[in-house]
Amino acid sequence: MGEQESGLAHGMHIHIRYFAALRETVGRADEDLELPAAADVAAARAALAERHPALAPLLGRCVAALNRAYVAPETALTAGDELVFIPPLGGGAPRDGTVEGGAPWQP
């Protein structure tokens, strides 16, 4: 089978890894994603939000790492890349001194 017949002439596959809330939302640690040949990180983010609508609000707050380096949304992707969206870290007490349920926070 030629490259044209396999569809690789018009697209590429990248590997997506999920952590924290993203992993919980999609119910898996990773998956492959097919994208157009000229796709960038922003296009991958949009494709994932379409594939997993519950990810959309989370992805908007994540930073991206491509092949273990932080990248901007306009960074071009190439076949075989590993893309990770890293959610913001959470924890600690809110600024008003309360915790979930409205109880005062105590160290």
N, C-alpha and C. Protein backbone atom coordinates (compact mmCIF):
# COMPACT_ATOMS: atom_id res chain seq x y z
N MET A 1 0.86 -1.18 0.00
CA MET A 1 0.00 0.00 0.00
C MET A 1 0.90 1.24 0.00
N GLY A 2 0.64 2.17 -0.87
CA GLY A 2 1.45 3.38 -0.98
C GLY A 2 1.08 4.40 0.07
N GLU A 3 1.93 5.39 0.22
CA GLU A 3 1.70 6.44 1.21
C GLU A 3 0.38 7.15 0.93
N GLN A 4 0.08 7.40 -0.33
CA GLN A 4 -1.16 8.07 -0.71
C GLN A 4 -2.37 7.24 -0.27
N GLU A 5 -2.31 5.91 -0.47
CA GLU A 5 -3.44 5.05 -0.13
C GLU A 5 -3.65 4.93 1.37
N SER A 6 -2.58 5.00 2.17
CA SER A 6 -2.70 4.83 3.61
C SER A 6 -3.25 6.09 4.29
N GLY A 7 -3.28 7.21 3.58
CA GLY A 7 -3.77 8.46 4.15
C GLY A 7 -2.67 9.28 4.81
N LEU A 8 -1.44 8.74 4.90
CA LEU A 8 -0.37 9.46 5.57
C LEU A 8 0.14 10.64 4.76
N ALA A 9 -0.13 10.67 3.46
CA ALA A 9 0.31 11.80 2.64
C ALA A 9 -0.47 13.06 3.01
N HIS A 10 -1.63 12.91 3.60
CA HIS A 10 -2.47 14.05 3.91
C HIS A 10 -2.63 14.30 5.40
N GLY A 11 -1.98 13.52 6.23
CA GLY A 11 -2.13 13.70 7.67
C GLY A 11 -0.99 13.05 8.42
N MET A 12 -1.10 13.11 9.72
CA MET A 12 -0.08 12.53 10.59
C MET A 12 -0.73 12.04 11.87
N HIS A 13 -0.03 11.17 12.55
CA HIS A 13 -0.47 10.69 13.85
C HIS A 13 0.50 11.21 14.90
N ILE A 14 -0.06 11.69 16.00
CA ILE A 14 0.75 12.08 17.14
C ILE A 14 0.22 11.32 18.35
N HIS A 15 1.01 11.28 19.40
CA HIS A 15 0.62 10.58 20.61
C HIS A 15 0.28 11.60 21.69
N ILE A 16 -0.88 11.45 22.31
CA ILE A 16 -1.34 12.34 23.37
C ILE A 16 -1.24 11.58 24.69
N ARG A 17 -0.69 12.22 25.71
CA ARG A 17 -0.66 11.65 27.06
C ARG A 17 -1.48 12.55 27.97
N TYR A 18 -2.24 11.91 28.87
CA TYR A 18 -3.12 12.63 29.79
C TYR A 18 -2.65 12.48 31.23
N PHE A 19 -2.75 13.55 32.00
CA PHE A 19 -2.40 13.54 33.41
C PHE A 19 -3.51 14.19 34.22
N ALA A 20 -3.56 13.85 35.48
CA ALA A 20 -4.44 14.48 36.47
C ALA A 20 -5.90 14.52 36.00
N ALA A 21 -6.52 15.70 36.07
CA ALA A 21 -7.94 15.84 35.74
C ALA A 21 -8.24 15.44 34.29
N LEU A 22 -7.28 15.65 33.39
CA LEU A 22 -7.51 15.25 32.00
C LEU A 22 -7.64 13.74 31.90
N ARG A 23 -6.77 13.02 32.60
CA ARG A 23 -6.84 11.55 32.60
C ARG A 23 -8.16 11.08 33.18
N GLU A 24 -8.58 11.70 34.27
CA GLU A 24 -9.85 11.32 34.89
C GLU A 24 -11.02 11.59 33.95
N THR A 25 -10.97 12.67 33.23
CA THR A 25 -12.07 13.05 32.35
C THR A 25 -12.21 12.10 31.17
N VAL A 26 -11.10 11.73 30.53
CA VAL A 26 -11.18 10.84 29.36
C VAL A 26 -11.14 9.37 29.73
N GLY A 27 -10.73 9.05 30.96
CA GLY A 27 -10.70 7.67 31.41
C GLY A 27 -9.58 6.83 30.81
N ARG A 28 -8.52 7.47 30.40
CA ARG A 28 -7.36 6.75 29.85
C ARG A 28 -6.11 7.60 30.04
N ALA A 29 -4.97 6.96 29.92
CA ALA A 29 -3.69 7.64 30.12
C ALA A 29 -3.15 8.25 28.84
N ASP A 30 -3.55 7.70 27.69
CA ASP A 30 -3.01 8.20 26.43
C ASP A 30 -3.87 7.73 25.26
N GLU A 31 -3.60 8.31 24.11
CA GLU A 31 -4.26 7.91 22.88
C GLU A 31 -3.52 8.53 21.70
N ASP A 32 -3.77 8.00 20.52
CA ASP A 32 -3.21 8.57 19.30
C ASP A 32 -4.24 9.47 18.66
N LEU A 33 -3.75 10.49 17.99
CA LEU A 33 -4.62 11.47 17.34
C LEU A 33 -4.14 11.70 15.92
N GLU A 34 -5.04 11.63 14.97
CA GLU A 34 -4.70 11.91 13.58
C GLU A 34 -5.07 13.36 13.28
N LEU A 35 -4.13 14.06 12.66
CA LEU A 35 -4.31 15.47 12.33
C LEU A 35 -3.84 15.75 10.92
N PRO A 36 -4.26 16.86 10.33
CA PRO A 36 -3.74 17.25 9.02
C PRO A 36 -2.23 17.47 9.10
N ALA A 37 -1.55 17.31 7.99
CA ALA A 37 -0.09 17.40 7.95
C ALA A 37 0.46 18.73 8.47
N ALA A 38 -0.24 19.82 8.30
CA ALA A 38 0.25 21.14 8.70
C ALA A 38 -0.28 21.58 10.07
N ALA A 39 -0.72 20.65 10.91
CA ALA A 39 -1.34 20.99 12.19
C ALA A 39 -0.33 21.53 13.19
N ASP A 40 -0.85 22.36 14.10
CA ASP A 40 -0.04 22.87 15.20
C ASP A 40 -0.68 22.45 16.52
N VAL A 41 -0.10 22.88 17.62
CA VAL A 41 -0.60 22.51 18.94
C VAL A 41 -2.03 22.99 19.13
N ALA A 42 -2.36 24.17 18.66
CA ALA A 42 -3.73 24.69 18.79
C ALA A 42 -4.73 23.79 18.06
N ALA A 43 -4.34 23.28 16.90
CA ALA A 43 -5.23 22.38 16.14
C ALA A 43 -5.44 21.07 16.90
N ALA A 44 -4.40 20.57 17.54
CA ALA A 44 -4.53 19.35 18.34
C ALA A 44 -5.46 19.59 19.51
N ARG A 45 -5.31 20.74 20.17
CA ARG A 45 -6.18 21.09 21.30
C ARG A 45 -7.64 21.12 20.83
N ALA A 46 -7.90 21.73 19.68
CA ALA A 46 -9.26 21.82 19.15
C ALA A 46 -9.81 20.44 18.79
N ALA A 47 -8.97 19.59 18.20
CA ALA A 47 -9.40 18.23 17.83
C ALA A 47 -9.74 17.41 19.07
N LEU A 48 -8.96 17.56 20.12
CA LEU A 48 -9.25 16.84 21.36
C LEU A 48 -10.53 17.34 22.01
N ALA A 49 -10.76 18.64 21.98
CA ALA A 49 -11.99 19.20 22.55
C ALA A 49 -13.21 18.71 21.78
N GLU A 50 -13.05 18.51 20.47
CA GLU A 50 -14.16 17.98 19.66
C GLU A 50 -14.37 16.50 19.95
N ARG A 51 -13.30 15.76 20.09
CA ARG A 51 -13.39 14.32 20.36
C ARG A 51 -13.92 14.05 21.76
N HIS A 52 -13.50 14.85 22.73
CA HIS A 52 -13.89 14.70 24.14
C HIS A 52 -14.43 16.04 24.63
N PRO A 53 -15.70 16.36 24.38
CA PRO A 53 -16.24 17.68 24.74
C PRO A 53 -16.02 18.07 26.21
N ALA A 54 -15.99 17.11 27.11
CA ALA A 54 -15.79 17.43 28.53
C ALA A 54 -14.38 17.97 28.80
N LEU A 55 -13.45 17.76 27.86
CA LEU A 55 -12.09 18.28 28.02
C LEU A 55 -11.99 19.77 27.70
N ALA A 56 -12.90 20.28 26.90
CA ALA A 56 -12.79 21.66 26.40
C ALA A 56 -12.48 22.68 27.49
N PRO A 57 -13.24 22.71 28.59
CA PRO A 57 -12.93 23.74 29.60
C PRO A 57 -11.59 23.51 30.30
N LEU A 58 -11.17 22.27 30.39
CA LEU A 58 -9.88 21.96 31.03
C LEU A 58 -8.72 22.33 30.12
N LEU A 59 -8.82 21.99 28.85
CA LEU A 59 -7.73 22.24 27.91
C LEU A 59 -7.40 23.72 27.79
N GLY A 60 -8.39 24.57 27.93
CA GLY A 60 -8.17 26.00 27.83
C GLY A 60 -7.27 26.56 28.92
N ARG A 61 -7.12 25.81 30.01
CA ARG A 61 -6.29 26.27 31.13
C ARG A 61 -4.95 25.54 31.19
N CYS A 62 -4.69 24.66 30.25
CA CYS A 62 -3.48 23.85 30.27
C CYS A 62 -2.35 24.47 29.46
N VAL A 63 -1.12 24.18 29.87
CA VAL A 63 0.04 24.48 29.04
C VAL A 63 0.37 23.22 28.26
N ALA A 64 1.06 23.39 27.15
CA ALA A 64 1.39 22.25 26.30
C ALA A 64 2.87 21.94 26.36
N ALA A 65 3.18 20.66 26.31
CA ALA A 65 4.57 20.20 26.21
C ALA A 65 4.65 19.26 25.02
N LEU A 66 5.59 19.53 24.15
CA LEU A 66 5.79 18.72 22.95
C LEU A 66 7.15 18.06 23.06
N ASN A 67 7.14 16.73 23.06
CA ASN A 67 8.38 15.97 23.20
C ASN A 67 9.18 16.45 24.41
N ARG A 68 8.46 16.66 25.51
CA ARG A 68 9.02 17.01 26.83
C ARG A 68 9.57 18.43 26.95
N ALA A 69 9.10 19.33 26.11
CA ALA A 69 9.50 20.74 26.21
C ALA A 69 8.24 21.60 26.07
N TYR A 70 8.12 22.62 26.92
CA TYR A 70 6.96 23.52 26.83
C TYR A 70 6.98 24.25 25.50
N VAL A 71 5.79 24.40 24.91
CA VAL A 71 5.67 25.04 23.60
C VAL A 71 4.47 25.97 23.56
N ALA A 72 4.48 26.86 22.57
CA ALA A 72 3.38 27.78 22.32
C ALA A 72 2.33 27.09 21.44
N PRO A 73 1.10 27.60 21.45
CA PRO A 73 0.02 27.00 20.65
C PRO A 73 0.31 26.95 19.15
N GLU A 74 1.11 27.88 18.65
CA GLU A 74 1.38 27.91 17.20
C GLU A 74 2.54 27.01 16.78
N THR A 75 3.06 26.23 17.71
CA THR A 75 4.16 25.31 17.39
C THR A 75 3.68 24.20 16.47
N ALA A 76 4.40 24.00 15.37
CA ALA A 76 4.05 22.97 14.38
C ALA A 76 4.30 21.58 14.94
N LEU A 77 3.45 20.66 14.54
CA LEU A 77 3.59 19.25 14.93
C LEU A 77 4.13 18.45 13.76
N THR A 78 4.79 17.34 14.08
CA THR A 78 5.24 16.40 13.06
C THR A 78 4.83 15.00 13.47
N ALA A 79 4.72 14.12 12.51
CA ALA A 79 4.30 12.74 12.77
C ALA A 79 5.17 12.12 13.85
N GLY A 80 4.52 11.43 14.77
CA GLY A 80 5.22 10.74 15.83
C GLY A 80 5.48 11.57 17.08
N ASP A 81 5.13 12.85 17.06
CA ASP A 81 5.34 13.70 18.23
C ASP A 81 4.53 13.18 19.42
N GLU A 82 5.02 13.49 20.63
CA GLU A 82 4.27 13.24 21.85
C GLU A 82 3.84 14.59 22.41
N LEU A 83 2.54 14.76 22.57
CA LEU A 83 1.97 16.02 23.05
C LEU A 83 1.27 15.78 24.37
N VAL A 84 1.56 16.63 25.33
CA VAL A 84 0.96 16.55 26.66
C VAL A 84 0.38 17.91 27.01
N PHE A 85 -0.84 17.92 27.51
CA PHE A 85 -1.43 19.14 28.05
C PHE A 85 -1.38 19.02 29.57
N ILE A 86 -0.78 20.01 30.21
CA ILE A 86 -0.54 19.95 31.65
C ILE A 86 -1.50 20.92 32.34
N PRO A 87 -2.40 20.36 33.15
CA PRO A 87 -3.35 21.22 33.85
C PRO A 87 -2.67 22.02 34.94
N PRO A 88 -3.28 23.15 35.33
CA PRO A 88 -2.69 23.95 36.41
C PRO A 88 -2.68 23.16 37.71
N LEU A 89 -1.70 23.43 38.54
CA LEU A 89 -1.64 22.79 39.84
C LEU A 89 -2.67 23.42 40.76
N GLY A 90 -3.25 22.64 41.62
CA GLY A 90 -4.23 23.14 42.56
C GLY A 90 -3.80 22.82 43.98
N GLY A 91 -4.60 23.23 44.89
CA GLY A 91 -4.32 22.92 46.29
C GLY A 91 -4.18 24.18 47.10
N GLY A 92 -4.04 23.98 48.39
CA GLY A 92 -3.91 25.11 49.29
C GLY A 92 -5.27 25.66 49.66
N ALA A 93 -5.27 26.64 50.50
CA ALA A 93 -6.52 27.26 50.95
C ALA A 93 -6.88 28.43 50.06
N PRO A 94 -8.17 28.64 49.83
CA PRO A 94 -8.59 29.83 49.07
C PRO A 94 -8.21 31.10 49.82
N ARG A 95 -8.16 32.19 49.12
CA ARG A 95 -7.76 33.46 49.74
C ARG A 95 -8.70 33.92 50.84
N ASP A 96 -9.96 33.47 50.80
CA ASP A 96 -10.89 33.92 51.85
C ASP A 96 -10.78 33.07 53.12
N GLY A 97 -9.86 32.09 53.14
CA GLY A 97 -9.63 31.30 54.34
C GLY A 97 -10.59 30.16 54.57
N THR A 98 -11.42 29.83 53.57
CA THR A 98 -12.35 28.71 53.73
C THR A 98 -11.92 27.56 52.83
N VAL A 99 -12.44 26.40 53.12
CA VAL A 99 -12.22 25.21 52.30
C VAL A 99 -13.56 24.76 51.75
N GLU A 100 -13.54 23.70 50.97
CA GLU A 100 -14.79 23.20 50.39
C GLU A 100 -15.84 23.02 51.48
N GLY A 101 -17.01 23.46 51.22
CA GLY A 101 -18.09 23.37 52.20
C GLY A 101 -18.22 24.61 53.07
N GLY A 102 -17.26 25.57 52.91
CA GLY A 102 -17.36 26.81 53.64
C GLY A 102 -16.74 26.81 55.02
N ALA A 103 -16.15 25.68 55.46
CA ALA A 103 -15.54 25.63 56.79
C ALA A 103 -14.25 26.43 56.80
N PRO A 104 -13.91 27.04 57.94
CA PRO A 104 -12.65 27.77 58.01
C PRO A 104 -11.46 26.82 57.81
N TRP A 105 -10.45 27.31 57.16
CA TRP A 105 -9.24 26.52 56.94
C TRP A 105 -8.38 26.57 58.18
N GLN A 106 -7.85 25.41 58.58
CA GLN A 106 -6.96 25.36 59.73
C GLN A 106 -5.71 24.60 59.33
N PRO A 107 -4.54 25.18 59.59
CA PRO A 107 -3.29 24.51 59.22
C PRO A 107 -3.05 23.27 60.06
